[in-house]
Amino acid sequence: MRFAWDEHKNRLNIEKHGIALSDSEQVFERPLLIRLDERKDYDEPRWIALGNLDGTVVVLVFTRRGNTIRSISMRKGNKHERQIYQDRVKTASHGLRETTEDD
C-alpha cells in the first residue's frame, strides 16, 4: 500500500491542526475505525478514520486511488471521538491480555 498527499495541503494541515498528513501512514499501523464519508457528494468515495497517532486519537479523511491511500485532512479527535475510539478498541480487545516476561 502506498500513501500520498498534496504537499500544499500538508503545510496547511500542519498550520491549522499541528499534524502532518505525511504522518498518516502511521495511523494505519494501529487499530482503526473507518466509515464512508457521506456528509456531501464528492467526486470520489471518501473515508473517515478514527485512529491513533503517537498516543493521540486522530480523525483522518482519505480516499483510495488504486493501491494508494491519499490523505486529505487529519486533526486531533474531539472528546466524543476519543471516547468512541477508546470504547471500540477496548471492546475489540476484550478477552485478550498482554503477556509479560513472567508468562
PDB file of N, CA and C in Angstrom:
ATOM      1  N   MET A   1       0.843  -1.177   0.000  1.00  0.00           N
ATOM      2  CA  MET A   1       0.000   0.000   0.000  1.00  0.00           C
ATOM      3  C   MET A   1       0.890   1.242   0.000  1.00  0.00           C
ATOM      4  N   ARG A   2       0.554   2.181  -0.846  1.00  0.00           N
ATOM      5  CA  ARG A   2       1.292   3.442  -0.924  1.00  0.00           C
ATOM      6  C   ARG A   2       0.449   4.547  -0.293  1.00  0.00           C
ATOM      7  N   PHE A   3       1.115   5.605   0.128  1.00  0.00           N
ATOM      8  CA  PHE A   3       0.441   6.750   0.732  1.00  0.00           C
ATOM      9  C   PHE A   3       0.847   8.009  -0.010  1.00  0.00           C
ATOM     10  N   ALA A   4      -0.109   8.923  -0.175  1.00  0.00           N
ATOM     11  CA  ALA A   4       0.156  10.169  -0.892  1.00  0.00           C
ATOM     12  C   ALA A   4      -0.663  11.299  -0.266  1.00  0.00           C
ATOM     13  N   TRP A   5      -0.257  12.515  -0.534  1.00  0.00           N
ATOM     14  CA  TRP A   5      -0.949  13.709  -0.071  1.00  0.00           C
ATOM     15  C   TRP A   5      -0.449  14.866  -0.905  1.00  0.00           C
ATOM     16  N   ASP A   6      -1.217  15.912  -0.938  1.00  0.00           N
ATOM     17  CA  ASP A   6      -0.827  17.138  -1.613  1.00  0.00           C
ATOM     18  C   ASP A   6       0.086  17.917  -0.660  1.00  0.00           C
ATOM     19  N   GLU A   7       1.254  18.301  -1.120  1.00  0.00           N
ATOM     20  CA  GLU A   7       2.229  18.959  -0.240  1.00  0.00           C
ATOM     21  C   GLU A   7       1.733  20.314   0.261  1.00  0.00           C
ATOM     22  N   HIS A   8       1.035  21.066  -0.587  1.00  0.00           N
ATOM     23  CA  HIS A   8       0.464  22.348  -0.145  1.00  0.00           C
ATOM     24  C   HIS A   8      -0.573  22.103   0.949  1.00  0.00           C
ATOM     25  N   LYS A   9      -1.440  21.118   0.742  1.00  0.00           N
ATOM     26  CA  LYS A   9      -2.457  20.762   1.739  1.00  0.00           C
ATOM     27  C   LYS A   9      -1.795  20.273   3.027  1.00  0.00           C
ATOM     28  N   ASN A  10      -0.672  19.579   2.913  1.00  0.00           N
ATOM     29  CA  ASN A  10       0.071  19.117   4.084  1.00  0.00           C
ATOM     30  C   ASN A  10       0.521  20.314   4.934  1.00  0.00           C
ATOM     31  N   ARG A  11       1.083  21.325   4.290  1.00  0.00           N
ATOM     32  CA  ARG A  11       1.529  22.517   5.026  1.00  0.00           C
ATOM     33  C   ARG A  11       0.351  23.230   5.700  1.00  0.00           C
ATOM     34  N   LEU A  12      -0.775  23.329   4.980  1.00  0.00           N
ATOM     35  CA  LEU A  12      -1.964  23.958   5.561  1.00  0.00           C
ATOM     36  C   LEU A  12      -2.485  23.152   6.750  1.00  0.00           C
ATOM     37  N   ASN A  13      -2.451  21.831   6.640  1.00  0.00           N
ATOM     38  CA  ASN A  13      -2.926  20.975   7.727  1.00  0.00           C
ATOM     39  C   ASN A  13      -2.040  21.136   8.968  1.00  0.00           C
ATOM     40  N   ILE A  14      -0.732  21.255   8.753  1.00  0.00           N
ATOM     41  CA  ILE A  14       0.191  21.478   9.872  1.00  0.00           C
ATOM     42  C   ILE A  14      -0.111  22.822  10.539  1.00  0.00           C
ATOM     43  N   GLU A  15      -0.320  23.862   9.740  1.00  0.00           N
ATOM     44  CA  GLU A  15      -0.625  25.188  10.290  1.00  0.00           C
ATOM     45  C   GLU A  15      -1.935  25.183  11.074  1.00  0.00           C
ATOM     46  N   LYS A  16      -2.951  24.533  10.521  1.00  0.00           N
ATOM     47  CA  LYS A  16      -4.284  24.564  11.133  1.00  0.00           C
ATOM     48  C   LYS A  16      -4.417  23.598  12.306  1.00  0.00           C
ATOM     49  N   HIS A  17      -3.880  22.372  12.166  1.00  0.00           N
ATOM     50  CA  HIS A  17      -4.122  21.320  13.154  1.00  0.00           C
ATOM     51  C   HIS A  17      -2.873  20.844  13.885  1.00  0.00           C
ATOM     52  N   GLY A  18      -1.696  21.267  13.424  1.00  0.00           N
ATOM     53  CA  GLY A  18      -0.462  20.833  14.068  1.00  0.00           C
ATOM     54  C   GLY A  18      -0.107  19.385  13.791  1.00  0.00           C
ATOM     55  N   ILE A  19      -0.682  18.815  12.743  1.00  0.00           N
ATOM     56  CA  ILE A  19      -0.444  17.409  12.386  1.00  0.00           C
ATOM     57  C   ILE A  19      -0.135  17.339  10.893  1.00  0.00           C
ATOM     58  N   ALA A  20       0.902  16.599  10.550  1.00  0.00           N
ATOM     59  CA  ALA A  20       1.305  16.460   9.146  1.00  0.00           C
ATOM     60  C   ALA A  20       0.575  15.298   8.482  1.00  0.00           C
ATOM     61  N   LEU A  21       0.052  15.533   7.299  1.00  0.00           N
ATOM     62  CA  LEU A  21      -0.549  14.450   6.515  1.00  0.00           C
ATOM     63  C   LEU A  21       0.487  13.381   6.200  1.00  0.00           C
ATOM     64  N   SER A  22       1.739  13.786   6.154  1.00  0.00           N
ATOM     65  CA  SER A  22       2.808  12.825   5.879  1.00  0.00           C
ATOM     66  C   SER A  22       2.950  11.790   6.996  1.00  0.00           C
ATOM     67  N   ASP A  23       2.322  12.021   8.153  1.00  0.00           N
ATOM     68  CA  ASP A  23       2.325  11.042   9.246  1.00  0.00           C
ATOM     69  C   ASP A  23       1.150  10.072   9.175  1.00  0.00           C
ATOM     70  N   SER A  24       0.281  10.239   8.191  1.00  0.00           N
ATOM     71  CA  SER A  24      -0.943   9.428   8.144  1.00  0.00           C
ATOM     72  C   SER A  24      -0.667   7.935   7.978  1.00  0.00           C
ATOM     73  N   GLU A  25       0.441   7.569   7.373  1.00  0.00           N
ATOM     74  CA  GLU A  25       0.771   6.146   7.221  1.00  0.00           C
ATOM     75  C   GLU A  25       0.834   5.456   8.584  1.00  0.00           C
ATOM     76  N   GLN A  26       1.336   6.156   9.595  1.00  0.00           N
ATOM     77  CA  GLN A  26       1.443   5.577  10.939  1.00  0.00           C
ATOM     78  C   GLN A  26       0.075   5.232  11.520  1.00  0.00           C
ATOM     79  N   VAL A  27      -0.954   5.976  11.138  1.00  0.00           N
ATOM     80  CA  VAL A  27      -2.302   5.729  11.653  1.00  0.00           C
ATOM     81  C   VAL A  27      -2.781   4.341  11.228  1.00  0.00           C
ATOM     82  N   PHE A  28      -2.371   3.888  10.058  1.00  0.00           N
ATOM     83  CA  PHE A  28      -2.809   2.588   9.547  1.00  0.00           C
ATOM     84  C   PHE A  28      -2.055   1.424  10.183  1.00  0.00           C
ATOM     85  N   GLU A  29      -1.079   1.713  11.025  1.00  0.00           N
ATOM     86  CA  GLU A  29      -0.322   0.658  11.708  1.00  0.00           C
ATOM     87  C   GLU A  29      -0.990   0.217  13.002  1.00  0.00           C
ATOM     88  N   ARG A  30      -2.059   0.893  13.400  1.00  0.00           N
ATOM     89  CA  ARG A  30      -2.754   0.601  14.654  1.00  0.00           C
ATOM     90  C   ARG A  30      -4.234   0.357  14.355  1.00  0.00           C
ATOM     91  N   PRO A  31      -5.002  -0.087  15.357  1.00  0.00           N
ATOM     92  CA  PRO A  31      -6.438  -0.305  15.113  1.00  0.00           C
ATOM     93  C   PRO A  31      -7.120   0.965  14.600  1.00  0.00           C
ATOM     94  N   LEU A  32      -8.032   0.768  13.662  1.00  0.00           N
ATOM     95  CA  LEU A  32      -8.761   1.869  13.026  1.00  0.00           C
ATOM     96  C   LEU A  32     -10.255   1.617  13.067  1.00  0.00           C
ATOM     97  N   LEU A  33     -11.012   2.680  13.134  1.00  0.00           N
ATOM     98  CA  LEU A  33     -12.448   2.645  12.897  1.00  0.00           C
ATOM     99  C   LEU A  33     -12.664   3.462  11.637  1.00  0.00           C
ATOM    100  N   ILE A  34     -13.245   2.852  10.613  1.00  0.00           N
ATOM    101  CA  ILE A  34     -13.388   3.524   9.320  1.00  0.00           C
ATOM    102  C   ILE A  34     -14.846   3.488   8.888  1.00  0.00           C
ATOM    103  N   ARG A  35     -15.314   4.624   8.366  1.00  0.00           N
ATOM    104  CA  ARG A  35     -16.658   4.676   7.790  1.00  0.00           C
ATOM    105  C   ARG A  35     -16.630   5.569   6.550  1.00  0.00           C
ATOM    106  N   LEU A  36     -17.598   5.346   5.687  1.00  0.00           N
ATOM    107  CA  LEU A  36     -17.724   6.148   4.479  1.00  0.00           C
ATOM    108  C   LEU A  36     -18.139   7.565   4.855  1.00  0.00           C
ATOM    109  N   ASP A  37     -17.527   8.552   4.246  1.00  0.00           N
ATOM    110  CA  ASP A  37     -17.870   9.960   4.473  1.00  0.00           C
ATOM    111  C   ASP A  37     -19.037  10.311   3.562  1.00  0.00           C
ATOM    112  N   GLU A  38     -20.219  10.436   4.146  1.00  0.00           N
ATOM    113  CA  GLU A  38     -21.421  10.732   3.369  1.00  0.00           C
ATOM    114  C   GLU A  38     -21.953  12.136   3.653  1.00  0.00           C
ATOM    115  N   ARG A  39     -21.094  13.007   4.177  1.00  0.00           N
ATOM    116  CA  ARG A  39     -21.537  14.361   4.523  1.00  0.00           C
ATOM    117  C   ARG A  39     -21.978  15.149   3.298  1.00  0.00           C
ATOM    118  N   LYS A  40     -21.331  14.912   2.175  1.00  0.00           N
ATOM    119  CA  LYS A  40     -21.738  15.543   0.924  1.00  0.00           C
ATOM    120  C   LYS A  40     -21.273  14.681  -0.233  1.00  0.00           C
ATOM    121  N   ASP A  41     -21.691  15.037  -1.431  1.00  0.00           N
ATOM    122  CA  ASP A  41     -21.354  14.255  -2.613  1.00  0.00           C
ATOM    123  C   ASP A  41     -20.011  14.727  -3.168  1.00  0.00           C
ATOM    124  N   TYR A  42     -18.988  13.897  -2.976  1.00  0.00           N
ATOM    125  CA  TYR A  42     -17.663  14.198  -3.509  1.00  0.00           C
ATOM    126  C   TYR A  42     -17.526  13.514  -4.871  1.00  0.00           C
ATOM    127  N   ASP A  43     -16.500  13.853  -5.609  1.00  0.00           N
ATOM    128  CA  ASP A  43     -16.278  13.226  -6.910  1.00  0.00           C
ATOM    129  C   ASP A  43     -15.784  11.789  -6.786  1.00  0.00           C
ATOM    130  N   GLU A  44     -15.384  11.395  -5.589  1.00  0.00           N
ATOM    131  CA  GLU A  44     -14.873  10.052  -5.337  1.00  0.00           C
ATOM    132  C   GLU A  44     -15.247   9.657  -3.911  1.00  0.00           C
ATOM    133  N   PRO A  45     -15.287   8.364  -3.607  1.00  0.00           N
ATOM    134  CA  PRO A  45     -15.588   7.962  -2.226  1.00  0.00           C
ATOM    135  C   PRO A  45     -14.509   8.470  -1.271  1.00  0.00           C
ATOM    136  N   ARG A  46     -14.960   9.037  -0.174  1.00  0.00           N
ATOM    137  CA  ARG A  46     -14.041   9.476   0.882  1.00  0.00           C
ATOM    138  C   ARG A  46     -14.368   8.702   2.145  1.00  0.00           C
ATOM    139  N   TRP A  47     -13.351   8.471   2.930  1.00  0.00           N
ATOM    140  CA  TRP A  47     -13.483   7.691   4.149  1.00  0.00           C
ATOM    141  C   TRP A  47     -13.018   8.522   5.333  1.00  0.00           C
ATOM    142  N   ILE A  48     -13.649   8.289   6.479  1.00  0.00           N
ATOM    143  CA  ILE A  48     -13.255   8.933   7.729  1.00  0.00           C
ATOM    144  C   ILE A  48     -12.768   7.839   8.662  1.00  0.00           C
ATOM    145  N   ALA A  49     -11.570   8.003   9.179  1.00  0.00           N
ATOM    146  CA  ALA A  49     -10.992   7.011  10.086  1.00  0.00           C
ATOM    147  C   ALA A  49     -10.696   7.655  11.432  1.00  0.00           C
ATOM    148  N   LEU A  50     -11.032   6.935  12.498  1.00  0.00           N
ATOM    149  CA  LEU A  50     -10.558   7.282  13.831  1.00  0.00           C
ATOM    150  C   LEU A  50      -9.385   6.363  14.091  1.00  0.00           C
ATOM    151  N   GLY A  51      -8.258   6.932  14.434  1.00  0.00           N
ATOM    152  CA  GLY A  51      -7.068   6.125  14.651  1.00  0.00           C
ATOM    153  C   GLY A  51      -6.174   6.734  15.709  1.00  0.00           C
ATOM    154  N   ASN A  52      -5.004   6.148  15.854  1.00  0.00           N
ATOM    155  CA  ASN A  52      -4.059   6.545  16.880  1.00  0.00           C
ATOM    156  C   ASN A  52      -2.755   6.984  16.214  1.00  0.00           C
ATOM    157  N   LEU A  53      -2.301   8.169  16.577  1.00  0.00           N
ATOM    158  CA  LEU A  53      -1.024   8.682  16.090  1.00  0.00           C
ATOM    159  C   LEU A  53      -0.205   9.095  17.302  1.00  0.00           C
ATOM    160  N   ASP A  54       0.792   8.313  17.620  1.00  0.00           N
ATOM    161  CA  ASP A  54       1.669   8.607  18.762  1.00  0.00           C
ATOM    162  C   ASP A  54       0.891   8.826  20.057  1.00  0.00           C
ATOM    163  N   GLY A  55      -0.130   7.994  20.283  1.00  0.00           N
ATOM    164  CA  GLY A  55      -0.903   8.071  21.519  1.00  0.00           C
ATOM    165  C   GLY A  55      -2.036   9.079  21.499  1.00  0.00           C
ATOM    166  N   THR A  56      -2.232   9.756  20.388  1.00  0.00           N
ATOM    167  CA  THR A  56      -3.306  10.736  20.248  1.00  0.00           C
ATOM    168  C   THR A  56      -4.344  10.203  19.274  1.00  0.00           C
ATOM    169  N   VAL A  57      -5.622  10.261  19.658  1.00  0.00           N
ATOM    170  CA  VAL A  57      -6.690   9.860  18.741  1.00  0.00           C
ATOM    171  C   VAL A  57      -6.834  10.951  17.687  1.00  0.00           C
ATOM    172  N   VAL A  58      -6.813  10.536  16.428  1.00  0.00           N
ATOM    173  CA  VAL A  58      -6.926  11.475  15.314  1.00  0.00           C
ATOM    174  C   VAL A  58      -8.070  11.068  14.395  1.00  0.00           C
ATOM    175  N   VAL A  59      -8.565  12.061  13.666  1.00  0.00           N
ATOM    176  CA  VAL A  59      -9.574  11.849  12.630  1.00  0.00           C
ATOM    177  C   VAL A  59      -8.881  12.104  11.303  1.00  0.00           C
ATOM    178  N   LEU A  60      -8.866  11.086  10.463  1.00  0.00           N
ATOM    179  CA  LEU A  60      -8.197  11.159   9.163  1.00  0.00           C
ATOM    180  C   LEU A  60      -9.232  10.989   8.061  1.00  0.00           C
ATOM    181  N   VAL A  61      -9.279  11.934   7.142  1.00  0.00           N
ATOM    182  CA  VAL A  61     -10.131  11.818   5.958  1.00  0.00           C
ATOM    183  C   VAL A  61      -9.220  11.444   4.804  1.00  0.00           C
ATOM    184  N   PHE A  62      -9.618  10.397   4.079  1.00  0.00           N
ATOM    185  CA  PHE A  62      -8.773   9.925   2.982  1.00  0.00           C
ATOM    186  C   PHE A  62      -9.627   9.336   1.874  1.00  0.00           C
ATOM    187  N   THR A  63      -9.002   9.122   0.739  1.00  0.00           N
ATOM    188  CA  THR A  63      -9.622   8.419  -0.371  1.00  0.00           C
ATOM    189  C   THR A  63      -8.636   7.377  -0.868  1.00  0.00           C
ATOM    190  N   ARG A  64      -9.140   6.431  -1.630  1.00  0.00           N
ATOM    191  CA  ARG A  64      -8.262   5.413  -2.215  1.00  0.00           C
ATOM    192  C   ARG A  64      -8.243   5.601  -3.717  1.00  0.00           C
ATOM    193  N   ARG A  65      -7.056   5.545  -4.256  1.00  0.00           N
ATOM    194  CA  ARG A  65      -6.871   5.604  -5.711  1.00  0.00           C
ATOM    195  C   ARG A  65      -5.991   4.428  -6.085  1.00  0.00           C
ATOM    196  N   GLY A  66      -6.615   3.359  -6.527  1.00  0.00           N
ATOM    197  CA  GLY A  66      -5.874   2.134  -6.804  1.00  0.00           C
ATOM    198  C   GLY A  66      -5.274   1.599  -5.523  1.00  0.00           C
ATOM    199  N   ASN A  67      -3.967   1.389  -5.516  1.00  0.00           N
ATOM    200  CA  ASN A  67      -3.264   0.897  -4.325  1.00  0.00           C
ATOM    201  C   ASN A  67      -2.724   2.026  -3.456  1.00  0.00           C
ATOM    202  N   THR A  68      -3.205   3.246  -3.691  1.00  0.00           N
ATOM    203  CA  THR A  68      -2.702   4.396  -2.952  1.00  0.00           C
ATOM    204  C   THR A  68      -3.784   4.973  -2.050  1.00  0.00           C
ATOM    205  N   ILE A  69      -3.417   5.216  -0.804  1.00  0.00           N
ATOM    206  CA  ILE A  69      -4.282   5.942   0.118  1.00  0.00           C
ATOM    207  C   ILE A  69      -3.848   7.396   0.057  1.00  0.00           C
ATOM    208  N   ARG A  70      -4.786   8.267  -0.320  1.00  0.00           N
ATOM    209  CA  ARG A  70      -4.481   9.699  -0.437  1.00  0.00           C
ATOM    210  C   ARG A  70      -5.111  10.427   0.743  1.00  0.00           C
ATOM    211  N   SER A  71      -4.271  10.944   1.618  1.00  0.00           N
ATOM    212  CA  SER A  71      -4.733  11.654   2.811  1.00  0.00           C
ATOM    213  C   SER A  71      -5.205  13.047   2.426  1.00  0.00           C
ATOM    214  N   ILE A  72      -6.379  13.413   2.937  1.00  0.00           N
ATOM    215  CA  ILE A  72      -6.985  14.703   2.603  1.00  0.00           C
ATOM    216  C   ILE A  72      -6.877  15.674   3.772  1.00  0.00           C
ATOM    217  N   SER A  73      -7.179  15.205   4.976  1.00  0.00           N
ATOM    218  CA  SER A  73      -7.028  16.040   6.171  1.00  0.00           C
ATOM    219  C   SER A  73      -6.889  15.145   7.394  1.00  0.00           C
ATOM    220  N   MET A  74      -6.280  15.694   8.441  1.00  0.00           N
ATOM    221  CA  MET A  74      -6.133  14.952   9.687  1.00  0.00           C
ATOM    222  C   MET A  74      -6.068  15.962  10.828  1.00  0.00           C
ATOM    223  N   ARG A  75      -6.794  15.642  11.896  1.00  0.00           N
ATOM    224  CA  ARG A  75      -6.824  16.514  13.066  1.00  0.00           C
ATOM    225  C   ARG A  75      -6.939  15.664  14.321  1.00  0.00           C
ATOM    226  N   LYS A  76      -6.700  16.279  15.470  1.00  0.00           N
ATOM    227  CA  LYS A  76      -6.891  15.588  16.741  1.00  0.00           C
ATOM    228  C   LYS A  76      -8.384  15.356  16.949  1.00  0.00           C
ATOM    229  N   GLY A  77      -8.717  14.190  17.493  1.00  0.00           N
ATOM    230  CA  GLY A  77     -10.112  13.891  17.778  1.00  0.00           C
ATOM    231  C   GLY A  77     -10.637  14.727  18.933  1.00  0.00           C
ATOM    232  N   ASN A  78     -11.927  15.063  18.872  1.00  0.00           N
ATOM    233  CA  ASN A  78     -12.537  15.773  19.994  1.00  0.00           C
ATOM    234  C   ASN A  78     -12.882  14.770  21.102  1.00  0.00           C
ATOM    235  N   LYS A  79     -13.414  15.252  22.202  1.00  0.00           N
ATOM    236  CA  LYS A  79     -13.694  14.391  23.356  1.00  0.00           C
ATOM    237  C   LYS A  79     -14.600  13.222  22.974  1.00  0.00           C
ATOM    238  N   HIS A  80     -15.649  13.498  22.226  1.00  0.00           N
ATOM    239  CA  HIS A  80     -16.589  12.450  21.807  1.00  0.00           C
ATOM    240  C   HIS A  80     -15.898  11.410  20.920  1.00  0.00           C
ATOM    241  N   GLU A  81     -15.114  11.861  19.963  1.00  0.00           N
ATOM    242  CA  GLU A  81     -14.407  10.948  19.058  1.00  0.00           C
ATOM    243  C   GLU A  81     -13.379  10.105  19.808  1.00  0.00           C
ATOM    244  N   ARG A  82     -12.686  10.718  20.766  1.00  0.00           N
ATOM    245  CA  ARG A  82     -11.720   9.957  21.574  1.00  0.00           C
ATOM    246  C   ARG A  82     -12.420   8.857  22.361  1.00  0.00           C
ATOM    247  N   GLN A  83     -13.576   9.181  22.930  1.00  0.00           N
ATOM    248  CA  GLN A  83     -14.316   8.194  23.712  1.00  0.00           C
ATOM    249  C   GLN A  83     -14.788   7.043  22.828  1.00  0.00           C
ATOM    250  N   ILE A  84     -15.308   7.351  21.652  1.00  0.00           N
ATOM    251  CA  ILE A  84     -15.749   6.305  20.718  1.00  0.00           C
ATOM    252  C   ILE A  84     -14.582   5.389  20.384  1.00  0.00           C
ATOM    253  N   TYR A  85     -13.447   5.968  20.036  1.00  0.00           N
ATOM    254  CA  TYR A  85     -12.286   5.163  19.665  1.00  0.00           C
ATOM    255  C   TYR A  85     -11.843   4.281  20.825  1.00  0.00           C
ATOM    256  N   GLN A  86     -11.713   4.870  21.996  1.00  0.00           N
ATOM    257  CA  GLN A  86     -11.251   4.100  23.154  1.00  0.00           C
ATOM    258  C   GLN A  86     -12.225   2.982  23.509  1.00  0.00           C
ATOM    259  N   ASP A  87     -13.525   3.260  23.447  1.00  0.00           N
ATOM    260  CA  ASP A  87     -14.525   2.226  23.746  1.00  0.00           C
ATOM    261  C   ASP A  87     -14.467   1.086  22.738  1.00  0.00           C
ATOM    262  N   ARG A  88     -14.347   1.418  21.462  1.00  0.00           N
ATOM    263  CA  ARG A  88     -14.330   0.382  20.424  1.00  0.00           C
ATOM    264  C   ARG A  88     -13.064  -0.457  20.477  1.00  0.00           C
ATOM    265  N   VAL A  89     -11.937   0.173  20.715  1.00  0.00           N
ATOM    266  CA  VAL A  89     -10.680  -0.577  20.792  1.00  0.00           C
ATOM    267  C   VAL A  89     -10.700  -1.491  22.012  1.00  0.00           C
ATOM    268  N   LYS A  90     -11.231  -0.984  23.122  1.00  0.00           N
ATOM    269  CA  LYS A  90     -11.323  -1.798  24.334  1.00  0.00           C
ATOM    270  C   LYS A  90     -12.244  -2.995  24.090  1.00  0.00           C
ATOM    271  N   THR A  91     -13.387  -2.771  23.437  1.00  0.00           N
ATOM    272  CA  THR A  91     -14.326  -3.848  23.136  1.00  0.00           C
ATOM    273  C   THR A  91     -13.691  -4.875  22.210  1.00  0.00           C
ATOM    274  N   ALA A  92     -12.958  -4.401  21.211  1.00  0.00           N
ATOM    275  CA  ALA A  92     -12.328  -5.312  20.244  1.00  0.00           C
ATOM    276  C   ALA A  92     -11.265  -6.176  20.901  1.00  0.00           C
ATOM    277  N   SER A  93     -10.616  -5.647  21.928  1.00  0.00           N
ATOM    278  CA  SER A  93      -9.550  -6.415  22.569  1.00  0.00           C
ATOM    279  C   SER A  93     -10.035  -7.148  23.814  1.00  0.00           C
ATOM    280  N   HIS A  94     -11.337  -7.098  24.101  1.00  0.00           N
ATOM    281  CA  HIS A  94     -11.887  -7.772  25.282  1.00  0.00           C
ATOM    282  C   HIS A  94     -11.560  -9.266  25.219  1.00  0.00           C
ATOM    283  N   GLY A  95     -11.097  -9.770  26.311  1.00  0.00           N
ATOM    284  CA  GLY A  95     -10.742 -11.185  26.353  1.00  0.00           C
ATOM    285  C   GLY A  95      -9.295 -11.445  26.006  1.00  0.00           C
ATOM    286  N   LEU A  96      -8.604 -10.450  25.483  1.00  0.00           N
ATOM    287  CA  LEU A  96      -7.184 -10.591  25.187  1.00  0.00           C
ATOM    288  C   LEU A  96      -6.405  -9.957  26.324  1.00  0.00           C
ATOM    289  N   ARG A  97      -5.239 -10.463  26.584  1.00  0.00           N
ATOM    290  CA  ARG A  97      -4.410  -9.846  27.611  1.00  0.00           C
ATOM    291  C   ARG A  97      -2.995  -9.741  27.090  1.00  0.00           C
ATOM    292  N   GLU A  98      -2.289  -8.782  27.619  1.00  0.00           N
ATOM    293  CA  GLU A  98      -0.888  -8.628  27.238  1.00  0.00           C
ATOM    294  C   GLU A  98      -0.063  -9.647  28.001  1.00  0.00           C
ATOM    295  N   THR A  99       0.964 -10.145  27.370  1.00  0.00           N
ATOM    296  CA  THR A  99       1.863 -11.067  28.059  1.00  0.00           C
ATOM    297  C   THR A  99       3.006 -10.288  28.672  1.00  0.00           C
ATOM    298  N   THR A 100       3.554 -10.841  29.730  1.00  0.00           N
ATOM    299  CA  THR A 100       4.701 -10.221  30.379  1.00  0.00           C
ATOM    300  C   THR A 100       5.837 -11.220  30.385  1.00  0.00           C
ATOM    301  N   GLU A 101       6.984 -10.785  30.820  1.00  0.00           N
ATOM    302  CA  GLU A 101       8.128 -11.694  30.885  1.00  0.00           C
ATOM    303  C   GLU A 101       7.877 -12.831  31.863  1.00  0.00           C
ATOM    304  N   ASP A 102       6.957 -12.638  32.816  1.00  0.00           N
ATOM    305  CA  ASP A 102       6.663 -13.670  33.807  1.00  0.00           C
ATOM    306  C   ASP A 102       5.801 -14.793  33.247  1.00  0.00           C
ATOM    307  N   ASP A 103       5.172 -14.587  32.084  1.00  0.00           N
ATOM    308  CA  ASP A 103       4.284 -15.619  31.495  1.00  0.00           C
ATOM    309  C   ASP A 103       5.063 -16.806  30.994  1.00  0.00           C
TER     310      ASP A 103
END
